[in-house]
Amino acid sequence: MTYHHSLSLGDDREPQVFRTGAPVYNGITGAQIEHVAQQMHKDYRAAFKALHRGGLVHTSTAQSHDHGWSNCHRKQYFLRRARKRLEGEL
């Protein structure tokens, strides 16, 4: 059975597929990875904003570069980090 999943997690492992059709990586579902990745992104954006508001870092794009999870150009980075965090590698 070939399973095509929209999330590339940076490795060649084929996810296990159960009757629900949800991919599982080492006992971790794609939904769990996505949830942790979104939380990491939210924490990152909050820290980024705090640094700029506190005057510790100054760039002219600090406010105009604000975006949500759906427009995040580093989404794959956060997904890989979330998977590693859930697997206990981080």
PDB file of N, CA and C in Angstrom:
ATOM      1  N   MET A   1       0.849  -1.182   0.000  1.00  0.00           N
ATOM      2  CA  MET A   1       0.000   0.000   0.000  1.00  0.00           C
ATOM      3  C   MET A   1       0.890   1.238   0.000  1.00  0.00           C
ATOM      4  N   THR A   2       0.681   2.080  -0.946  1.00  0.00           N
ATOM      5  CA  THR A   2       1.425   3.330  -1.001  1.00  0.00           C
ATOM      6  C   THR A   2       0.584   4.417  -0.375  1.00  0.00           C
ATOM      7  N   TYR A   3       1.201   5.182   0.486  1.00  0.00           N
ATOM      8  CA  TYR A   3       0.490   6.257   1.167  1.00  0.00           C
ATOM      9  C   TYR A   3       1.181   7.560   0.836  1.00  0.00           C
ATOM     10  N   HIS A   4       0.442   8.492   0.308  1.00  0.00           N
ATOM     11  CA  HIS A   4       0.993   9.799   0.004  1.00  0.00           C
ATOM     12  C   HIS A   4       0.499  10.773   1.052  1.00  0.00           C
ATOM     13  N   HIS A   5       1.417  11.359   1.748  1.00  0.00           N
ATOM     14  CA  HIS A   5       1.073  12.280   2.824  1.00  0.00           C
ATOM     15  C   HIS A   5       1.558  13.667   2.439  1.00  0.00           C
ATOM     16  N   SER A   6       0.792  14.676   2.735  1.00  0.00           N
ATOM     17  CA  SER A   6       1.130  16.034   2.316  1.00  0.00           C
ATOM     18  C   SER A   6       2.275  16.636   3.115  1.00  0.00           C
ATOM     19  N   LEU A   7       2.590  16.084   4.289  1.00  0.00           N
ATOM     20  CA  LEU A   7       3.664  16.637   5.106  1.00  0.00           C
ATOM     21  C   LEU A   7       4.953  15.882   4.851  1.00  0.00           C
ATOM     22  N   SER A   8       5.954  16.566   4.390  1.00  0.00           N
ATOM     23  CA  SER A   8       7.267  15.963   4.245  1.00  0.00           C
ATOM     24  C   SER A   8       8.028  16.230   5.529  1.00  0.00           C
ATOM     25  N   LEU A   9       8.467  15.175   6.187  1.00  0.00           N
ATOM     26  CA  LEU A   9       9.124  15.345   7.476  1.00  0.00           C
ATOM     27  C   LEU A   9      10.635  15.217   7.375  1.00  0.00           C
ATOM     28  N   GLY A  10      11.173  15.301   6.171  1.00  0.00           N
ATOM     29  CA  GLY A  10      12.615  15.358   6.013  1.00  0.00           C
ATOM     30  C   GLY A  10      13.308  14.017   6.087  1.00  0.00           C
ATOM     31  N   ASP A  11      12.603  12.923   5.935  1.00  0.00           N
ATOM     32  CA  ASP A  11      13.262  11.630   5.913  1.00  0.00           C
ATOM     33  C   ASP A  11      12.552  10.728   4.912  1.00  0.00           C
ATOM     34  N   ASP A  12      13.143   9.569   4.660  1.00  0.00           N
ATOM     35  CA  ASP A  12      12.613   8.661   3.655  1.00  0.00           C
ATOM     36  C   ASP A  12      11.723   7.575   4.248  1.00  0.00           C
ATOM     37  N   ARG A  13      11.477   7.634   5.548  1.00  0.00           N
ATOM     38  CA  ARG A  13      10.655   6.602   6.172  1.00  0.00           C
ATOM     39  C   ARG A  13       9.221   6.700   5.688  1.00  0.00           C
ATOM     40  N   GLU A  14       8.677   5.571   5.349  1.00  0.00           N
ATOM     41  CA  GLU A  14       7.270   5.507   4.968  1.00  0.00           C
ATOM     42  C   GLU A  14       6.455   5.401   6.254  1.00  0.00           C
ATOM     43  N   PRO A  15       5.472   6.262   6.454  1.00  0.00           N
ATOM     44  CA  PRO A  15       4.685   6.177   7.684  1.00  0.00           C
ATOM     45  C   PRO A  15       3.854   4.899   7.711  1.00  0.00           C
ATOM     46  N   GLN A  16       3.627   4.372   8.893  1.00  0.00           N
ATOM     47  CA  GLN A  16       2.731   3.236   9.046  1.00  0.00           C
ATOM     48  C   GLN A  16       1.310   3.762   8.887  1.00  0.00           C
ATOM     49  N   VAL A  17       0.476   2.992   8.228  1.00  0.00           N
ATOM     50  CA  VAL A  17      -0.904   3.423   8.026  1.00  0.00           C
ATOM     51  C   VAL A  17      -1.826   2.408   8.694  1.00  0.00           C
ATOM     52  N   PHE A  18      -2.713   2.893   9.547  1.00  0.00           N
ATOM     53  CA  PHE A  18      -3.678   2.040  10.208  1.00  0.00           C
ATOM     54  C   PHE A  18      -5.045   2.243   9.572  1.00  0.00           C
ATOM     55  N   ARG A  19      -6.043   1.567  10.070  1.00  0.00           N
ATOM     56  CA  ARG A  19      -7.374   1.625   9.466  1.00  0.00           C
ATOM     57  C   ARG A  19      -7.936   3.036   9.370  1.00  0.00           C
ATOM     58  N   THR A  20      -7.529   3.907  10.248  1.00  0.00           N
ATOM     59  CA  THR A  20      -8.036   5.277  10.199  1.00  0.00           C
ATOM     60  C   THR A  20      -7.441   6.054   9.039  1.00  0.00           C
ATOM     61  N   GLY A  21      -6.345   5.567   8.483  1.00  0.00           N
ATOM     62  CA  GLY A  21      -5.686   6.265   7.394  1.00  0.00           C
ATOM     63  C   GLY A  21      -4.718   7.331   7.862  1.00  0.00           C
ATOM     64  N   ALA A  22      -4.609   7.519   9.169  1.00  0.00           N
ATOM     65  CA  ALA A  22      -3.706   8.536   9.706  1.00  0.00           C
ATOM     66  C   ALA A  22      -2.283   7.989   9.749  1.00  0.00           C
ATOM     67  N   PRO A  23      -1.301   8.770   9.294  1.00  0.00           N
ATOM     68  CA  PRO A  23       0.083   8.299   9.334  1.00  0.00           C
ATOM     69  C   PRO A  23       0.604   8.284  10.769  1.00  0.00           C
ATOM     70  N   VAL A  24       1.473   7.317  11.064  1.00  0.00           N
ATOM     71  CA  VAL A  24       2.081   7.214  12.384  1.00  0.00           C
ATOM     72  C   VAL A  24       3.580   7.033  12.194  1.00  0.00           C
ATOM     73  N   TYR A  25       4.378   7.893  12.814  1.00  0.00           N
ATOM     74  CA  TYR A  25       5.828   7.830  12.759  1.00  0.00           C
ATOM     75  C   TYR A  25       6.319   7.433  14.143  1.00  0.00           C
ATOM     76  N   ASN A  26       6.844   6.231  14.292  1.00  0.00           N
ATOM     77  CA  ASN A  26       7.342   5.758  15.589  1.00  0.00           C
ATOM     78  C   ASN A  26       6.305   5.947  16.687  1.00  0.00           C
ATOM     79  N   GLY A  27       5.059   5.675  16.404  1.00  0.00           N
ATOM     80  CA  GLY A  27       3.999   5.802  17.394  1.00  0.00           C
ATOM     81  C   GLY A  27       3.457   7.210  17.560  1.00  0.00           C
ATOM     82  N   ILE A  28       3.906   8.133  16.737  1.00  0.00           N
ATOM     83  CA  ILE A  28       3.477   9.532  16.825  1.00  0.00           C
ATOM     84  C   ILE A  28       2.666   9.854  15.575  1.00  0.00           C
ATOM     85  N   THR A  29       1.474  10.369  15.756  1.00  0.00           N
ATOM     86  CA  THR A  29       0.630  10.674  14.598  1.00  0.00           C
ATOM     87  C   THR A  29       1.028  12.006  13.969  1.00  0.00           C
ATOM     88  N   GLY A  30       0.670  12.160  12.711  1.00  0.00           N
ATOM     89  CA  GLY A  30       0.919  13.410  12.012  1.00  0.00           C
ATOM     90  C   GLY A  30       0.214  14.585  12.671  1.00  0.00           C
ATOM     91  N   ALA A  31      -0.961  14.325  13.239  1.00  0.00           N
ATOM     92  CA  ALA A  31      -1.702  15.390  13.926  1.00  0.00           C
ATOM     93  C   ALA A  31      -0.957  15.860  15.171  1.00  0.00           C
ATOM     94  N   GLN A  32      -0.330  14.922  15.887  1.00  0.00           N
ATOM     95  CA  GLN A  32       0.457  15.298  17.066  1.00  0.00           C
ATOM     96  C   GLN A  32       1.660  16.146  16.656  1.00  0.00           C
ATOM     97  N   ILE A  33       2.321  15.743  15.584  1.00  0.00           N
ATOM     98  CA  ILE A  33       3.476  16.492  15.087  1.00  0.00           C
ATOM     99  C   ILE A  33       3.045  17.895  14.681  1.00  0.00           C
ATOM    100  N   GLU A  34       1.940  17.983  13.947  1.00  0.00           N
ATOM    101  CA  GLU A  34       1.425  19.275  13.491  1.00  0.00           C
ATOM    102  C   GLU A  34       1.082  20.180  14.677  1.00  0.00           C
ATOM    103  N   HIS A  35       0.459  19.616  15.711  1.00  0.00           N
ATOM    104  CA  HIS A  35       0.083  20.400  16.892  1.00  0.00           C
ATOM    105  C   HIS A  35       1.321  20.966  17.586  1.00  0.00           C
ATOM    106  N   VAL A  36       2.333  20.134  17.800  1.00  0.00           N
ATOM    107  CA  VAL A  36       3.556  20.597  18.466  1.00  0.00           C
ATOM    108  C   VAL A  36       4.276  21.620  17.591  1.00  0.00           C
ATOM    109  N   ALA A  37       4.308  21.399  16.276  1.00  0.00           N
ATOM    110  CA  ALA A  37       4.959  22.344  15.366  1.00  0.00           C
ATOM    111  C   ALA A  37       4.271  23.706  15.409  1.00  0.00           C
ATOM    112  N   GLN A  38       2.950  23.717  15.437  1.00  0.00           N
ATOM    113  CA  GLN A  38       2.222  24.984  15.511  1.00  0.00           C
ATOM    114  C   GLN A  38       2.498  25.701  16.827  1.00  0.00           C
ATOM    115  N   GLN A  39       2.600  24.950  17.919  1.00  0.00           N
ATOM    116  CA  GLN A  39       2.899  25.560  19.210  1.00  0.00           C
ATOM    117  C   GLN A  39       4.320  26.131  19.219  1.00  0.00           C
ATOM    118  N   MET A  40       5.271  25.395  18.622  1.00  0.00           N
ATOM    119  CA  MET A  40       6.646  25.891  18.536  1.00  0.00           C
ATOM    120  C   MET A  40       6.693  27.178  17.714  1.00  0.00           C
ATOM    121  N   HIS A  41       5.934  27.212  16.614  1.00  0.00           N
ATOM    122  CA  HIS A  41       5.883  28.399  15.768  1.00  0.00           C
ATOM    123  C   HIS A  41       5.289  29.578  16.532  1.00  0.00           C
ATOM    124  N   LYS A  42       4.231  29.321  17.284  1.00  0.00           N
ATOM    125  CA  LYS A  42       3.592  30.372  18.081  1.00  0.00           C
ATOM    126  C   LYS A  42       4.570  30.932  19.117  1.00  0.00           C
ATOM    127  N   ASP A  43       5.301  30.048  19.797  1.00  0.00           N
ATOM    128  CA  ASP A  43       6.288  30.480  20.794  1.00  0.00           C
ATOM    129  C   ASP A  43       7.421  31.276  20.138  1.00  0.00           C
ATOM    130  N   TYR A  44       7.859  30.815  18.963  1.00  0.00           N
ATOM    131  CA  TYR A  44       8.921  31.506  18.225  1.00  0.00           C
ATOM    132  C   TYR A  44       8.482  32.919  17.843  1.00  0.00           C
ATOM    133  N   ARG A  45       7.247  33.037  17.327  1.00  0.00           N
ATOM    134  CA  ARG A  45       6.755  34.353  16.915  1.00  0.00           C
ATOM    135  C   ARG A  45       6.616  35.285  18.118  1.00  0.00           C
ATOM    136  N   ALA A  46       6.171  34.756  19.260  1.00  0.00           N
ATOM    137  CA  ALA A  46       6.036  35.579  20.469  1.00  0.00           C
ATOM    138  C   ALA A  46       7.403  36.084  20.926  1.00  0.00           C
ATOM    139  N   ALA A  47       8.409  35.222  20.897  1.00  0.00           N
ATOM    140  CA  ALA A  47       9.761  35.631  21.291  1.00  0.00           C
ATOM    141  C   ALA A  47      10.318  36.657  20.307  1.00  0.00           C
ATOM    142  N   PHE A  48      10.071  36.447  19.019  1.00  0.00           N
ATOM    143  CA  PHE A  48      10.540  37.366  17.983  1.00  0.00           C
ATOM    144  C   PHE A  48       9.954  38.760  18.205  1.00  0.00           C
ATOM    145  N   LYS A  49       8.645  38.802  18.466  1.00  0.00           N
ATOM    146  CA  LYS A  49       7.982  40.089  18.697  1.00  0.00           C
ATOM    147  C   LYS A  49       8.496  40.757  19.967  1.00  0.00           C
ATOM    148  N   ALA A  50       8.710  39.969  21.017  1.00  0.00           N
ATOM    149  CA  ALA A  50       9.189  40.531  22.285  1.00  0.00           C
ATOM    150  C   ALA A  50      10.570  41.157  22.123  1.00  0.00           C
ATOM    151  N   LEU A  51      11.433  40.510  21.369  1.00  0.00           N
ATOM    152  CA  LEU A  51      12.768  41.065  21.134  1.00  0.00           C
ATOM    153  C   LEU A  51      12.693  42.390  20.397  1.00  0.00           C
ATOM    154  N   HIS A  52      11.821  42.461  19.416  1.00  0.00           N
ATOM    155  CA  HIS A  52      11.710  43.695  18.644  1.00  0.00           C
ATOM    156  C   HIS A  52      11.032  44.809  19.425  1.00  0.00           C
ATOM    157  N   ARG A  53      10.030  44.474  20.201  1.00  0.00           N
ATOM    158  CA  ARG A  53       9.349  45.491  21.003  1.00  0.00           C
ATOM    159  C   ARG A  53      10.235  46.008  22.121  1.00  0.00           C
ATOM    160  N   GLY A  54      11.081  45.149  22.650  1.00  0.00           N
ATOM    161  CA  GLY A  54      11.968  45.541  23.741  1.00  0.00           C
ATOM    162  C   GLY A  54      13.179  46.316  23.281  1.00  0.00           C
ATOM    163  N   GLY A  55      13.340  46.474  21.987  1.00  0.00           N
ATOM    164  CA  GLY A  55      14.457  47.236  21.454  1.00  0.00           C
ATOM    165  C   GLY A  55      15.769  46.470  21.424  1.00  0.00           C
ATOM    166  N   LEU A  56      15.736  45.164  21.712  1.00  0.00           N
ATOM    167  CA  LEU A  56      16.966  44.378  21.691  1.00  0.00           C
ATOM    168  C   LEU A  56      17.432  44.098  20.269  1.00  0.00           C
ATOM    169  N   VAL A  57      16.485  44.027  19.364  1.00  0.00           N
ATOM    170  CA  VAL A  57      16.789  43.796  17.955  1.00  0.00           C
ATOM    171  C   VAL A  57      15.991  44.817  17.165  1.00  0.00           C
ATOM    172  N   HIS A  58      16.600  45.407  16.160  1.00  0.00           N
ATOM    173  CA  HIS A  58      15.867  46.393  15.373  1.00  0.00           C
ATOM    174  C   HIS A  58      15.960  46.063  13.895  1.00  0.00           C
ATOM    175  N   THR A  59      14.812  45.868  13.293  1.00  0.00           N
ATOM    176  CA  THR A  59      14.714  45.758  11.837  1.00  0.00           C
ATOM    177  C   THR A  59      13.448  46.477  11.418  1.00  0.00           C
ATOM    178  N   SER A  60      13.447  46.960  10.224  1.00  0.00           N
ATOM    179  CA  SER A  60      12.273  47.692   9.748  1.00  0.00           C
ATOM    180  C   SER A  60      11.131  46.758   9.372  1.00  0.00           C
ATOM    181  N   THR A  61      11.412  45.453   9.246  1.00  0.00           N
ATOM    182  CA  THR A  61      10.371  44.512   8.819  1.00  0.00           C
ATOM    183  C   THR A  61       9.713  43.781   9.979  1.00  0.00           C
ATOM    184  N   ALA A  62      10.005  44.160  11.209  1.00  0.00           N
ATOM    185  CA  ALA A  62       9.502  43.413  12.368  1.00  0.00           C
ATOM    186  C   ALA A  62       7.987  43.317  12.385  1.00  0.00           C
ATOM    187  N   GLN A  63       7.297  44.389  12.136  1.00  0.00           N
ATOM    188  CA  GLN A  63       5.840  44.357  12.188  1.00  0.00           C
ATOM    189  C   GLN A  63       5.228  43.881  10.875  1.00  0.00           C
ATOM    190  N   SER A  64       5.828  44.213   9.758  1.00  0.00           N
ATOM    191  CA  SER A  64       5.241  43.844   8.473  1.00  0.00           C
ATOM    192  C   SER A  64       5.443  42.370   8.139  1.00  0.00           C
ATOM    193  N   HIS A  65       6.340  41.691   8.845  1.00  0.00           N
ATOM    194  CA  HIS A  65       6.634  40.296   8.536  1.00  0.00           C
ATOM    195  C   HIS A  65       5.779  39.332   9.352  1.00  0.00           C
ATOM    196  N   ASP A  66       4.836  39.838  10.123  1.00  0.00           N
ATOM    197  CA  ASP A  66       4.004  38.980  10.953  1.00  0.00           C
ATOM    198  C   ASP A  66       3.139  38.085  10.066  1.00  0.00           C
ATOM    199  N   HIS A  67       3.035  36.817  10.437  1.00  0.00           N
ATOM    200  CA  HIS A  67       2.259  35.860   9.660  1.00  0.00           C
ATOM    201  C   HIS A  67       1.773  34.738  10.562  1.00  0.00           C
ATOM    202  N   GLY A  68       0.834  33.973  10.073  1.00  0.00           N
ATOM    203  CA  GLY A  68       0.307  32.829  10.809  1.00  0.00           C
ATOM    204  C   GLY A  68       0.944  31.535  10.339  1.00  0.00           C
ATOM    205  N   TRP A  69       0.472  30.427  10.893  1.00  0.00           N
ATOM    206  CA  TRP A  69       1.020  29.111  10.569  1.00  0.00           C
ATOM    207  C   TRP A  69       0.822  28.779   9.089  1.00  0.00           C
ATOM    208  N   SER A  70      -0.316  29.114   8.528  1.00  0.00           N
ATOM    209  CA  SER A  70      -0.591  28.748   7.137  1.00  0.00           C
ATOM    210  C   SER A  70       0.335  29.452   6.150  1.00  0.00           C
ATOM    211  N   ASN A  71       0.864  30.614   6.505  1.00  0.00           N
ATOM    212  CA  ASN A  71       1.762  31.350   5.614  1.00  0.00           C
ATOM    213  C   ASN A  71       3.227  31.240   6.019  1.00  0.00           C
ATOM    214  N   CYS A  72       3.536  30.353   6.941  1.00  0.00           N
ATOM    215  CA  CYS A  72       4.903  30.246   7.446  1.00  0.00           C
ATOM    216  C   CYS A  72       5.810  29.584   6.408  1.00  0.00           C
ATOM    217  N   HIS A  73       6.863  30.286   6.011  1.00  0.00           N
ATOM    218  CA  HIS A  73       7.794  29.737   5.034  1.00  0.00           C
ATOM    219  C   HIS A  73       8.765  28.747   5.671  1.00  0.00           C
ATOM    220  N   ARG A  74       8.767  28.648   6.995  1.00  0.00           N
ATOM    221  CA  ARG A  74       9.638  27.705   7.703  1.00  0.00           C
ATOM    222  C   ARG A  74       8.836  26.540   8.285  1.00  0.00           C
ATOM    223  N   LYS A  75       7.699  26.239   7.706  1.00  0.00           N
ATOM    224  CA  LYS A  75       6.812  25.199   8.226  1.00  0.00           C
ATOM    225  C   LYS A  75       7.517  23.842   8.291  1.00  0.00           C
ATOM    226  N   GLN A  76       8.255  23.483   7.248  1.00  0.00           N
ATOM    227  CA  GLN A  76       8.948  22.191   7.236  1.00  0.00           C
ATOM    228  C   GLN A  76       9.982  22.106   8.353  1.00  0.00           C
ATOM    229  N   TYR A  77      10.659  23.220   8.628  1.00  0.00           N
ATOM    230  CA  TYR A  77      11.625  23.263   9.731  1.00  0.00           C
ATOM    231  C   TYR A  77      10.927  22.954  11.051  1.00  0.00           C
ATOM    232  N   PHE A  78       9.807  23.600  11.317  1.00  0.00           N
ATOM    233  CA  PHE A  78       9.085  23.379  12.567  1.00  0.00           C
ATOM    234  C   PHE A  78       8.527  21.958  12.648  1.00  0.00           C
ATOM    235  N   LEU A  79       8.084  21.394  11.534  1.00  0.00           N
ATOM    236  CA  LEU A  79       7.579  20.022  11.535  1.00  0.00           C
ATOM    237  C   LEU A  79       8.687  19.024  11.864  1.00  0.00           C
ATOM    238  N   ARG A  80       9.875  19.224  11.278  1.00  0.00           N
ATOM    239  CA  ARG A  80      11.003  18.329  11.591  1.00  0.00           C
ATOM    240  C   ARG A  80      11.405  18.435  13.050  1.00  0.00           C
ATOM    241  N   ARG A  81      11.484  19.669  13.566  1.00  0.00           N
ATOM    242  CA  ARG A  81      11.855  19.875  14.971  1.00  0.00           C
ATOM    243  C   ARG A  81      10.807  19.285  15.913  1.00  0.00           C
ATOM    244  N   ALA A  82       9.536  19.412  15.563  1.00  0.00           N
ATOM    245  CA  ALA A  82       8.469  18.856  16.399  1.00  0.00           C
ATOM    246  C   ALA A  82       8.560  17.334  16.449  1.00  0.00           C
ATOM    247  N   ARG A  83       8.803  16.706  15.286  1.00  0.00           N
ATOM    248  CA  ARG A  83       8.926  15.245  15.248  1.00  0.00           C
ATOM    249  C   ARG A  83      10.084  14.791  16.120  1.00  0.00           C
ATOM    250  N   LYS A  84      11.218  15.477  16.009  1.00  0.00           N
ATOM    251  CA  LYS A  84      12.383  15.113  16.818  1.00  0.00           C
ATOM    252  C   LYS A  84      12.109  15.319  18.303  1.00  0.00           C
ATOM    253  N   ARG A  85      11.399  16.391  18.640  1.00  0.00           N
ATOM    254  CA  ARG A  85      11.065  16.642  20.050  1.00  0.00           C
ATOM    255  C   ARG A  85      10.167  15.532  20.591  1.00  0.00           C
ATOM    256  N   LEU A  86       9.178  15.126  19.811  1.00  0.00           N
ATOM    257  CA  LEU A  86       8.272  14.066  20.252  1.00  0.00           C
ATOM    258  C   LEU A  86       8.968  12.709  20.343  1.00  0.00           C
ATOM    259  N   GLU A  87       9.961  12.473  19.487  1.00  0.00           N
ATOM    260  CA  GLU A  87      10.704  11.215  19.527  1.00  0.00           C
ATOM    261  C   GLU A  87      11.763  11.212  20.625  1.00  0.00           C
ATOM    262  N   GLY A  88      11.957  12.354  21.273  1.00  0.00           N
ATOM    263  CA  GLY A  88      12.914  12.417  22.371  1.00  0.00           C
ATOM    264  C   GLY A  88      14.331  12.735  21.952  1.00  0.00           C
ATOM    265  N   GLU A  89      14.533  13.164  20.701  1.00  0.00           N
ATOM    266  CA  GLU A  89      15.867  13.496  20.217  1.00  0.00           C
ATOM    267  C   GLU A  89      16.292  14.895  20.625  1.00  0.00           C
ATOM    268  N   LEU A  90      15.357  15.745  21.023  1.00  0.00           N
ATOM    269  CA  LEU A  90      15.687  17.117  21.427  1.00  0.00           C
ATOM    270  C   LEU A  90      15.458  17.309  22.896  1.00  0.00           C
TER     271      LEU A  90
END
